[in-house]
Amino acid sequence: MEYLKRGLTEELKKWLARKEIIAIKGPRQAGKTTLLKILKEYLISQRNVSLDNIIYITFEDRDILDAFSKDPNEYVRSYFPKDLNKRIYFLIDEFQYLEDGGQKLKFLYDTYENIKFIITGSSSLEITEHTAKYLVGRVFSFYLYQFSFSEYLQTKPKNIQNVYAEASKEIGDFLNKAKMFSIKQDIFAKDFTRYLEDFVIFGGYPEVIKSHSLETKKIILKNIYDTYITKDIVGLLRIKDLSGFRTVVRLLANQTGNLLNLHAIANDSGNYFRQLKQYISVLEETYIIRNLRPYFKNRTTELKKNPKVYFIDIGLRNWIVNNFNDFEIRTDAGSLIENAVFSSLYQRKEEEIRYWRTLGQAEVDFVLRQDDEIIPLEVKYSHLRLPEVNRSLRSFLKGYKPKRALVLTKGFWGRTKIEDTQIAFVPVWYAI
């Protein structure tokens, strides 16, 4: 079967020969099961592993879960001959449903030298707290999120993919190596505008991307959200007040990119403050939202300030607020593009991300912290004609004097310099 490529696949291949457990974590229906199938095909076709030596099970199957829970050792042994002299690959999907999973997996890991375990889980709460403490030094953890914009572009013409790859590399070289790019005209700006806005409206869930019908996309997103509620929120985390939980999610969806005011949300949702904080923690740990904290030189001060809230997948956010309108008539278009930039930065995990805001309302959308260096990043999804720097960014440059800054635009390439700071203006679609 032909699968769309995931960036994580090549990274995982490097660790298949080692003994350590591979844990693949991420949102429900982001493609973890498909990734296991891709790895299985790779082991057979490229590593010449016998099909009999690759076992796939899912703990969503209650019979399998019950049998494994009662006696993990006997369950695993049932698949193999007594003389276990060849490496066996044991792929376990939805591992978070196994009670005391970390303890059981530790026993199996220590008992069988020749078994390679690869597990997936859709709840960080379960797969981290209940697993990692038993598996220190025994597990390598990786994250698989919804499709990134670059992965989404695999469904588009090859020349678009090539243009994206080249421009994206230039921007990466500017951020990581301070290498300035050449100014160019973006002859594919209309194409990229259309693709980006489609991606931002419907998000990166694989089944959504594969669908070409608006109605089907909506139904898929509805099913994803309903499944998340029934399996993760009710089934796994046993939250009973579904009405209160859904109200909180809807309020957060309407505040995308804004400062998180917990007291206001508690009042509007009718939830106690402690309950609200639990809901937000659950939403973070199940990969629905992420809070972004402010940047200050004083880190203790940083923790006392309000975070901003973003959704990991914007399509799911748009379903929650029931808004799939075109960009031309949306009042939240700027917030959605900003959210898309955040999701891309967060999923790459190449740098620490913050936002910057002063009491005088000066604000920079994102501040990237790499080692001891900081890079301010502004999102200006509008048609610029000149490389103009706004008052807020100038204020940040004056106060922190970074070596470089990045402004993400709607198709405009440019550059300027303020004192010792090199400032690059690039189309947003090449930077996510």
Protein backbone atom coordinates (compact mmCIF):
# COMPACT_ATOMS: atom_id res chain seq x y z
CA MET A 1 0.00 0.00 0.00
CA GLU A 2 1.21 3.52 -0.83
CA TYR A 3 1.46 5.76 2.23
CA LEU A 4 2.11 9.48 2.49
CA LYS A 5 5.57 9.98 3.99
CA ARG A 6 5.93 11.13 7.57
CA GLY A 7 9.02 13.04 8.63
CA LEU A 8 9.33 10.89 11.76
CA THR A 9 9.76 7.66 9.79
CA GLU A 10 13.42 8.22 8.90
CA GLU A 11 14.24 9.16 12.47
CA LEU A 12 12.69 5.96 13.82
CA LYS A 13 14.57 3.75 11.35
CA LYS A 14 17.85 4.79 12.98
CA TRP A 15 16.82 3.21 16.29
CA LEU A 16 15.28 -0.07 15.16
CA ALA A 17 18.49 -2.05 15.64
CA ARG A 18 18.90 -1.02 19.26
CA LYS A 19 17.43 -2.80 22.26
CA GLU A 20 15.55 0.18 23.73
CA ILE A 21 11.77 0.40 23.53
CA ILE A 22 10.45 2.95 21.03
CA ALA A 23 7.43 4.91 22.33
CA ILE A 24 5.47 6.90 19.73
CA LYS A 25 3.17 9.42 21.40
CA GLY A 26 0.74 11.90 19.95
CA PRO A 27 -2.90 12.85 19.27
CA ARG A 28 -5.54 10.27 18.53
CA GLN A 29 -5.96 9.57 14.78
CA ALA A 30 -2.79 11.46 13.84
CA GLY A 31 -1.40 8.38 12.05
CA LYS A 32 0.39 6.32 14.71
CA THR A 33 -1.19 3.04 13.58
CA THR A 34 -0.28 3.78 9.97
CA LEU A 35 3.28 4.55 11.06
CA LEU A 36 3.51 1.11 12.69
CA LYS A 37 2.40 -0.42 9.38
CA ILE A 38 5.04 1.61 7.53
CA LEU A 39 7.71 0.36 9.93
CA LYS A 40 6.47 -3.19 9.50
CA GLU A 41 6.74 -2.95 5.71
CA TYR A 42 10.20 -1.42 6.03
CA LEU A 43 11.42 -4.25 8.29
CA ILE A 44 10.19 -6.84 5.80
CA SER A 45 11.35 -5.18 2.57
CA GLN A 46 14.54 -3.42 3.68
CA ARG A 47 15.74 -5.33 6.74
CA ASN A 48 14.68 -8.80 5.51
CA VAL A 49 12.79 -9.55 8.71
CA SER A 50 10.42 -12.51 8.43
CA LEU A 51 6.71 -11.70 8.72
CA ASP A 52 6.51 -14.31 11.51
CA ASN A 53 8.95 -12.23 13.54
CA ILE A 54 6.78 -9.09 13.50
CA ILE A 55 3.79 -9.12 15.84
CA TYR A 56 1.17 -6.36 15.81
CA ILE A 57 -1.50 -6.07 18.53
CA THR A 58 -3.77 -3.28 19.71
CA PHE A 59 -5.04 -2.77 23.23
CA GLU A 60 -8.25 -1.30 21.83
CA ASP A 61 -9.18 -4.97 21.43
CA ARG A 62 -10.50 -5.80 24.88
CA ASP A 63 -9.83 -9.53 24.54
CA ILE A 64 -6.18 -8.91 23.73
CA LEU A 65 -5.91 -6.34 26.51
CA ASP A 66 -7.44 -8.71 29.08
CA ALA A 67 -5.23 -11.64 28.07
CA PHE A 68 -2.07 -9.54 28.07
CA SER A 69 -2.97 -7.95 31.42
CA LYS A 70 -3.43 -11.30 33.16
CA ASP A 71 -0.05 -12.72 32.14
CA PRO A 72 2.16 -10.58 29.86
CA ASN A 73 4.95 -13.15 29.89
CA GLU A 74 2.72 -16.02 28.79
CA TYR A 75 1.02 -13.81 26.18
CA VAL A 76 4.31 -12.79 24.59
CA ARG A 77 5.69 -16.34 24.72
CA SER A 78 2.63 -17.68 22.91
CA TYR A 79 3.84 -16.09 19.68
CA PHE A 80 7.34 -17.55 19.68
CA PRO A 81 9.15 -20.88 19.62
CA LYS A 82 11.00 -21.87 22.78
CA ASP A 83 14.35 -21.15 21.13
CA LEU A 84 14.17 -17.38 20.72
CA ASN A 85 17.40 -16.81 18.78
CA LYS A 86 16.18 -14.29 16.19
CA ARG A 87 15.11 -10.74 16.91
CA ILE A 88 11.36 -10.32 17.31
CA TYR A 89 9.56 -7.00 16.78
CA PHE A 90 6.51 -6.57 19.00
CA LEU A 91 4.34 -3.63 17.94
CA ILE A 92 1.74 -2.58 20.52
CA ASP A 93 -0.86 0.04 19.53
CA GLU A 94 -2.83 2.14 22.08
CA PHE A 95 -0.57 1.12 24.94
CA GLN A 96 -2.17 3.64 27.32
CA TYR A 97 -5.08 1.27 27.99
CA LEU A 98 -2.84 -1.26 29.79
CA GLU A 99 -3.02 -0.82 33.56
CA ASP A 100 0.45 -0.80 35.17
CA GLY A 101 1.82 -0.87 31.63
CA GLY A 102 5.23 0.50 32.54
CA GLN A 103 5.82 -2.14 35.19
CA LYS A 104 4.73 -4.98 32.88
CA LEU A 105 6.81 -3.70 29.97
CA LYS A 106 9.87 -3.34 32.20
CA PHE A 107 9.60 -7.00 33.15
CA LEU A 108 9.34 -8.08 29.51
CA TYR A 109 12.19 -5.81 28.46
CA ASP A 110 14.48 -7.20 31.15
CA THR A 111 13.41 -10.80 30.47
CA TYR A 112 13.75 -10.99 26.68
CA GLU A 113 17.01 -9.78 25.21
CA ASN A 114 15.91 -10.38 21.63
CA ILE A 115 12.52 -8.64 21.58
CA LYS A 116 12.21 -5.08 20.28
CA PHE A 117 9.08 -3.38 21.63
CA ILE A 118 7.52 -0.47 19.75
CA ILE A 119 4.49 1.09 21.48
CA THR A 120 2.09 3.92 20.68
CA GLY A 121 -0.14 5.98 22.93
CA SER A 122 -2.57 8.88 22.52
CA SER A 123 -2.46 10.18 26.09
CA SER A 124 0.70 11.68 27.50
CA LEU A 125 -0.79 11.44 30.98
CA GLU A 126 -0.92 7.66 30.85
CA ILE A 127 2.08 6.83 28.70
CA THR A 128 4.36 9.25 30.56
CA GLU A 129 3.40 9.08 34.22
CA HIS A 130 2.49 5.39 34.35
CA THR A 131 5.17 4.11 32.01
CA ALA A 132 8.29 6.28 31.98
CA LYS A 133 9.05 5.97 35.70
CA TYR A 134 9.60 2.22 35.24
CA LEU A 135 11.48 2.55 31.97
CA VAL A 136 14.25 5.02 32.70
CA GLY A 137 17.13 4.18 30.36
CA ARG A 138 14.98 1.63 28.53
CA VAL A 139 12.78 3.80 26.28
CA PHE A 140 13.26 6.35 23.49
CA SER A 141 10.20 8.62 23.12
CA PHE A 142 9.06 10.27 19.88
CA TYR A 143 6.03 12.40 18.98
CA LEU A 144 3.80 12.04 15.94
CA TYR A 145 1.40 14.92 15.42
CA GLN A 146 -1.05 15.67 12.64
CA PHE A 147 0.45 16.35 9.21
CA SER A 148 2.67 19.40 9.00
CA PHE A 149 2.26 21.80 6.09
CA SER A 150 5.29 20.28 4.35
CA GLU A 151 3.80 16.78 4.73
CA TYR A 152 0.44 18.08 3.49
CA LEU A 153 2.16 19.39 0.34
CA GLN A 154 2.92 15.80 -0.68
CA THR A 155 -0.62 15.78 -2.08
CA LYS A 156 0.20 18.76 -4.33
CA PRO A 157 2.16 19.07 -7.62
CA LYS A 158 5.83 18.09 -7.47
CA ASN A 159 7.12 21.52 -8.51
CA ILE A 160 5.31 23.06 -5.52
CA GLN A 161 7.03 20.57 -3.22
CA ASN A 162 10.42 21.40 -4.75
CA VAL A 163 9.93 25.17 -4.42
CA TYR A 164 8.83 24.75 -0.81
CA ALA A 165 11.83 22.56 0.08
CA GLU A 166 14.34 25.02 -1.40
CA ALA A 167 12.83 28.14 0.18
CA SER A 168 12.29 26.41 3.53
CA LYS A 169 15.96 25.44 3.63
CA GLU A 170 17.01 29.05 3.00
CA ILE A 171 14.87 30.23 5.91
CA GLY A 172 16.29 27.49 8.11
CA ASP A 173 19.82 28.58 7.19
CA PHE A 174 18.96 32.14 8.18
CA LEU A 175 17.60 31.07 11.56
CA ASN A 176 20.28 28.52 12.40
CA LYS A 177 23.37 29.82 10.59
CA ALA A 178 22.64 33.54 10.13
CA LYS A 179 22.98 33.02 6.38
CA MET A 180 21.00 35.68 4.49
CA PHE A 181 19.00 34.58 1.43
CA SER A 182 18.70 36.25 -1.95
CA ILE A 183 15.64 38.43 -2.56
CA LYS A 184 13.21 36.85 -5.04
CA GLN A 185 9.75 37.16 -6.52
CA ASP A 186 7.35 34.45 -5.42
CA ILE A 187 5.75 33.36 -8.70
CA PHE A 188 3.81 30.63 -6.91
CA ALA A 189 2.35 32.93 -4.24
CA LYS A 190 -1.25 32.37 -5.38
CA ASP A 191 -0.83 28.59 -5.23
CA PHE A 192 0.77 28.68 -1.79
CA THR A 193 -1.87 31.10 -0.51
CA ARG A 194 -4.61 28.70 -1.58
CA TYR A 195 -2.87 25.64 -0.14
CA LEU A 196 -1.99 27.32 3.16
CA GLU A 197 -5.47 28.69 3.74
CA ASP A 198 -7.02 25.30 2.98
CA PHE A 199 -4.58 23.67 5.42
CA VAL A 200 -5.30 26.26 8.11
CA ILE A 201 -9.07 25.89 7.77
CA PHE A 202 -9.21 22.08 7.82
CA GLY A 203 -6.02 21.09 9.63
CA GLY A 204 -3.64 18.18 9.29
CA TYR A 205 -5.48 15.02 10.31
CA PRO A 206 -4.58 12.39 7.67
CA GLU A 207 -8.18 11.38 6.89
CA VAL A 208 -9.17 15.04 6.52
CA ILE A 209 -6.31 15.69 4.11
CA LYS A 210 -7.25 12.67 1.99
CA SER A 211 -10.85 13.83 1.69
CA HIS A 212 -11.89 16.28 -1.06
CA SER A 213 -15.43 16.94 0.15
CA LEU A 214 -16.23 19.76 2.57
CA GLU A 215 -19.03 17.73 4.15
CA THR A 216 -16.79 14.69 4.56
CA LYS A 217 -14.05 16.77 6.15
CA LYS A 218 -16.55 18.12 8.68
CA ILE A 219 -17.87 14.64 9.49
CA ILE A 220 -14.33 13.31 9.98
CA LEU A 221 -13.46 16.15 12.36
CA LYS A 222 -16.70 15.61 14.27
CA ASN A 223 -15.91 11.89 14.61
CA ILE A 224 -12.36 12.64 15.76
CA TYR A 225 -13.66 14.97 18.46
CA ASP A 226 -16.42 12.58 19.54
CA THR A 227 -13.95 9.68 19.70
CA TYR A 228 -11.57 11.79 21.74
CA ILE A 229 -14.36 12.61 24.20
CA THR A 230 -15.61 9.03 24.57
CA LYS A 231 -12.27 7.20 24.63
CA ASP A 232 -9.80 9.61 26.21
CA ILE A 233 -11.96 11.88 28.34
CA VAL A 234 -14.63 9.44 29.51
CA GLY A 235 -13.06 6.02 28.99
CA LEU A 236 -9.48 6.70 30.01
CA LEU A 237 -9.53 9.76 32.26
CA ARG A 238 -13.08 9.21 33.60
CA ILE A 239 -14.17 12.85 33.55
CA LYS A 240 -17.89 12.91 34.31
CA ASP A 241 -18.97 16.51 33.72
CA LEU A 242 -18.92 16.40 29.92
CA SER A 243 -21.05 19.51 29.53
CA GLY A 244 -18.63 21.58 31.62
CA PHE A 245 -15.64 20.11 29.79
CA ARG A 246 -17.07 20.86 26.34
CA THR A 247 -17.92 24.41 27.41
CA VAL A 248 -14.31 25.00 28.48
CA VAL A 249 -13.02 23.63 25.16
CA ARG A 250 -15.34 25.93 23.22
CA LEU A 251 -14.30 28.98 25.24
CA LEU A 252 -10.63 28.18 24.66
CA ALA A 253 -11.27 27.72 20.93
CA ASN A 254 -12.70 31.22 20.79
CA GLN A 255 -9.57 32.62 22.48
CA THR A 256 -6.98 31.14 20.13
CA GLY A 257 -3.80 33.19 20.31
CA ASN A 258 -5.09 35.33 23.20
CA LEU A 259 -3.96 35.62 26.79
CA LEU A 260 -5.48 32.91 28.95
CA ASN A 261 -7.66 34.43 31.67
CA LEU A 262 -8.54 31.50 33.92
CA HIS A 263 -10.85 33.48 36.19
CA ALA A 264 -12.94 34.75 33.25
CA ILE A 265 -13.21 31.24 31.75
CA ALA A 266 -14.16 29.79 35.14
CA ASN A 267 -16.95 32.36 35.46
CA ASP A 268 -18.17 31.89 31.87
CA SER A 269 -18.13 28.09 32.06
CA GLY A 270 -19.52 27.77 35.58
CA ASN A 271 -16.56 25.64 36.66
CA TYR A 272 -14.58 25.85 39.86
CA PHE A 273 -11.06 27.21 39.39
CA ARG A 274 -9.42 23.92 40.40
CA GLN A 275 -11.66 21.97 38.01
CA LEU A 276 -10.83 24.36 35.18
CA LYS A 277 -7.10 23.92 35.72
CA GLN A 278 -7.57 20.15 35.59
CA TYR A 279 -9.44 20.41 32.27
CA ILE A 280 -6.71 22.57 30.75
CA SER A 281 -4.04 20.14 31.97
CA VAL A 282 -5.97 17.24 30.41
CA LEU A 283 -6.30 19.13 27.09
CA GLU A 284 -2.56 19.71 27.03
CA GLU A 285 -1.64 16.16 27.96
CA THR A 286 -3.94 14.72 25.29
CA TYR A 287 -2.44 16.96 22.58
CA ILE A 288 -5.45 19.23 21.96
CA ILE A 289 -4.07 22.58 23.15
CA ARG A 290 -0.73 24.03 24.21
CA ASN A 291 -0.08 27.03 26.42
CA LEU A 292 2.67 29.47 25.43
CA ARG A 293 4.41 31.33 28.21
CA PRO A 294 5.93 34.82 27.97
CA TYR A 295 9.57 35.68 27.51
CA PHE A 296 11.39 37.55 30.28
CA LYS A 297 15.00 37.66 31.30
CA ASN A 298 13.85 36.74 34.77
CA ARG A 299 12.45 33.18 34.49
CA THR A 300 10.72 33.31 37.87
CA THR A 301 8.75 36.35 36.66
CA GLU A 302 7.95 34.50 33.45
CA LEU A 303 6.07 31.78 35.31
CA LYS A 304 3.79 34.29 37.04
CA LYS A 305 2.42 35.81 33.82
CA ASN A 306 -0.58 34.63 31.82
CA PRO A 307 0.13 32.22 28.97
CA LYS A 308 -1.44 32.36 25.51
CA VAL A 309 -3.43 29.38 24.26
CA TYR A 310 -3.14 27.62 20.88
CA PHE A 311 -4.66 24.48 19.39
CA ILE A 312 -2.36 21.76 18.08
CA ASP A 313 -4.67 21.17 15.10
CA ILE A 314 -6.53 24.18 13.76
CA GLY A 315 -9.06 22.14 11.81
CA LEU A 316 -10.30 20.62 15.06
CA ARG A 317 -10.48 24.10 16.57
CA ASN A 318 -12.55 25.31 13.61
CA TRP A 319 -14.96 22.40 14.03
CA ILE A 320 -15.40 23.24 17.72
CA VAL A 321 -16.40 26.84 16.85
CA ASN A 322 -18.26 25.68 13.70
CA ASN A 323 -16.47 28.05 11.34
CA PHE A 324 -15.13 26.79 8.00
CA ASN A 325 -15.60 30.06 6.14
CA ASP A 326 -13.12 31.26 3.53
CA PHE A 327 -10.35 33.58 4.69
CA GLU A 328 -11.80 36.62 2.95
CA ILE A 329 -14.76 36.75 5.32
CA ARG A 330 -13.14 35.53 8.52
CA THR A 331 -12.48 37.83 11.47
CA ASP A 332 -10.04 35.32 12.98
CA ALA A 333 -7.82 34.82 9.90
CA GLY A 334 -4.76 36.41 11.52
CA SER A 335 -5.15 34.29 14.66
CA LEU A 336 -5.39 31.11 12.57
CA ILE A 337 -2.17 31.85 10.69
CA GLU A 338 -0.47 32.68 13.98
CA ASN A 339 -1.75 29.38 15.40
CA ALA A 340 -0.38 27.53 12.35
CA VAL A 341 3.05 29.07 12.92
CA PHE A 342 2.97 28.11 16.59
CA SER A 343 1.96 24.51 15.82
CA SER A 344 4.82 24.18 13.36
CA LEU A 345 7.37 25.60 15.80
CA TYR A 346 6.06 23.47 18.65
CA GLN A 347 6.03 20.23 16.68
CA ARG A 348 9.59 20.71 15.46
CA LYS A 349 10.81 21.12 19.05
CA GLU A 350 14.06 22.60 17.73
CA GLU A 351 13.93 25.65 19.95
CA GLU A 352 12.23 26.96 23.04
CA ILE A 353 9.22 29.15 22.18
CA ARG A 354 7.86 32.14 24.10
CA TYR A 355 5.88 35.29 23.36
CA TRP A 356 6.76 38.82 24.49
CA ARG A 357 4.44 41.46 25.84
CA THR A 358 4.88 44.65 27.88
CA LEU A 359 2.57 46.55 30.20
CA GLY A 360 2.38 49.16 27.45
CA GLN A 361 0.85 46.54 25.10
CA ALA A 362 3.94 46.13 22.89
CA GLU A 363 3.95 42.53 21.73
CA VAL A 364 6.02 40.14 19.61
CA ASP A 365 4.21 36.98 18.53
CA PHE A 366 7.04 34.53 19.21
CA VAL A 367 10.51 34.57 20.68
CA LEU A 368 12.70 31.58 19.79
CA ARG A 369 15.40 30.74 22.30
CA GLN A 370 18.33 28.68 20.99
CA ASP A 371 21.01 28.15 23.64
CA ASP A 372 21.94 31.70 24.66
CA GLU A 373 20.56 33.35 21.53
CA ILE A 374 17.05 34.73 20.98
CA ILE A 375 15.23 35.36 17.70
CA PRO A 376 11.99 37.40 17.63
CA LEU A 377 9.40 36.25 15.07
CA GLU A 378 6.42 38.32 13.93
CA VAL A 379 3.46 37.08 11.87
CA LYS A 380 2.09 39.72 9.46
CA TYR A 381 -0.29 37.95 7.08
CA SER A 382 -0.79 40.91 4.78
CA HIS A 383 0.52 42.20 1.45
CA LEU A 384 3.62 44.24 2.31
CA ARG A 385 5.38 46.44 -0.23
CA LEU A 386 8.39 47.43 1.87
CA PRO A 387 10.31 45.76 4.72
CA GLU A 388 8.71 47.89 7.43
CA VAL A 389 9.29 47.10 11.10
CA ASN A 390 6.43 47.92 13.48
CA ARG A 391 6.75 49.71 16.80
CA SER A 392 6.46 46.56 18.96
CA LEU A 393 9.25 44.72 17.19
CA ARG A 394 11.44 47.84 17.27
CA SER A 395 10.89 48.02 21.02
CA PHE A 396 12.01 44.40 21.40
CA LEU A 397 15.08 44.96 19.22
CA LYS A 398 16.04 48.01 21.28
CA GLY A 399 15.69 46.18 24.57
CA TYR A 400 17.25 42.81 23.71
CA LYS A 401 19.45 43.52 20.66
CA PRO A 402 19.12 40.10 18.97
CA LYS A 403 21.39 39.30 16.03
CA ARG A 404 18.47 38.55 13.73
CA ALA A 405 14.68 38.70 13.51
CA LEU A 406 12.08 37.14 11.22
CA VAL A 407 8.83 38.60 9.89
CA LEU A 408 6.41 36.17 8.20
CA THR A 409 4.34 37.76 5.41
CA LYS A 410 1.76 37.01 2.74
CA GLY A 411 4.15 36.48 -0.17
CA PHE A 412 6.67 39.27 0.47
CA TRP A 413 10.44 38.69 0.46
CA GLY A 414 12.66 41.43 1.86
CA ARG A 415 15.32 42.35 4.36
CA THR A 416 16.47 45.31 6.38
CA LYS A 417 18.76 46.08 9.27
CA ILE A 418 18.23 48.01 12.50
CA GLU A 419 21.49 48.70 14.31
CA ASP A 420 23.12 45.23 14.49
CA THR A 421 19.97 43.16 13.90
CA GLN A 422 19.43 41.55 10.50
CA ILE A 423 15.68 41.34 9.79
CA ALA A 424 14.32 38.95 7.16
CA PHE A 425 10.83 39.16 5.61
CA VAL A 426 9.66 35.87 4.11
CA PRO A 427 6.35 34.27 3.03
CA VAL A 428 4.79 32.49 5.99
CA TRP A 429 4.12 29.29 4.01
CA TYR A 430 7.84 28.55 3.69
CA ALA A 431 8.43 28.89 7.43
CA ILE A 432 5.92 26.32 8.69
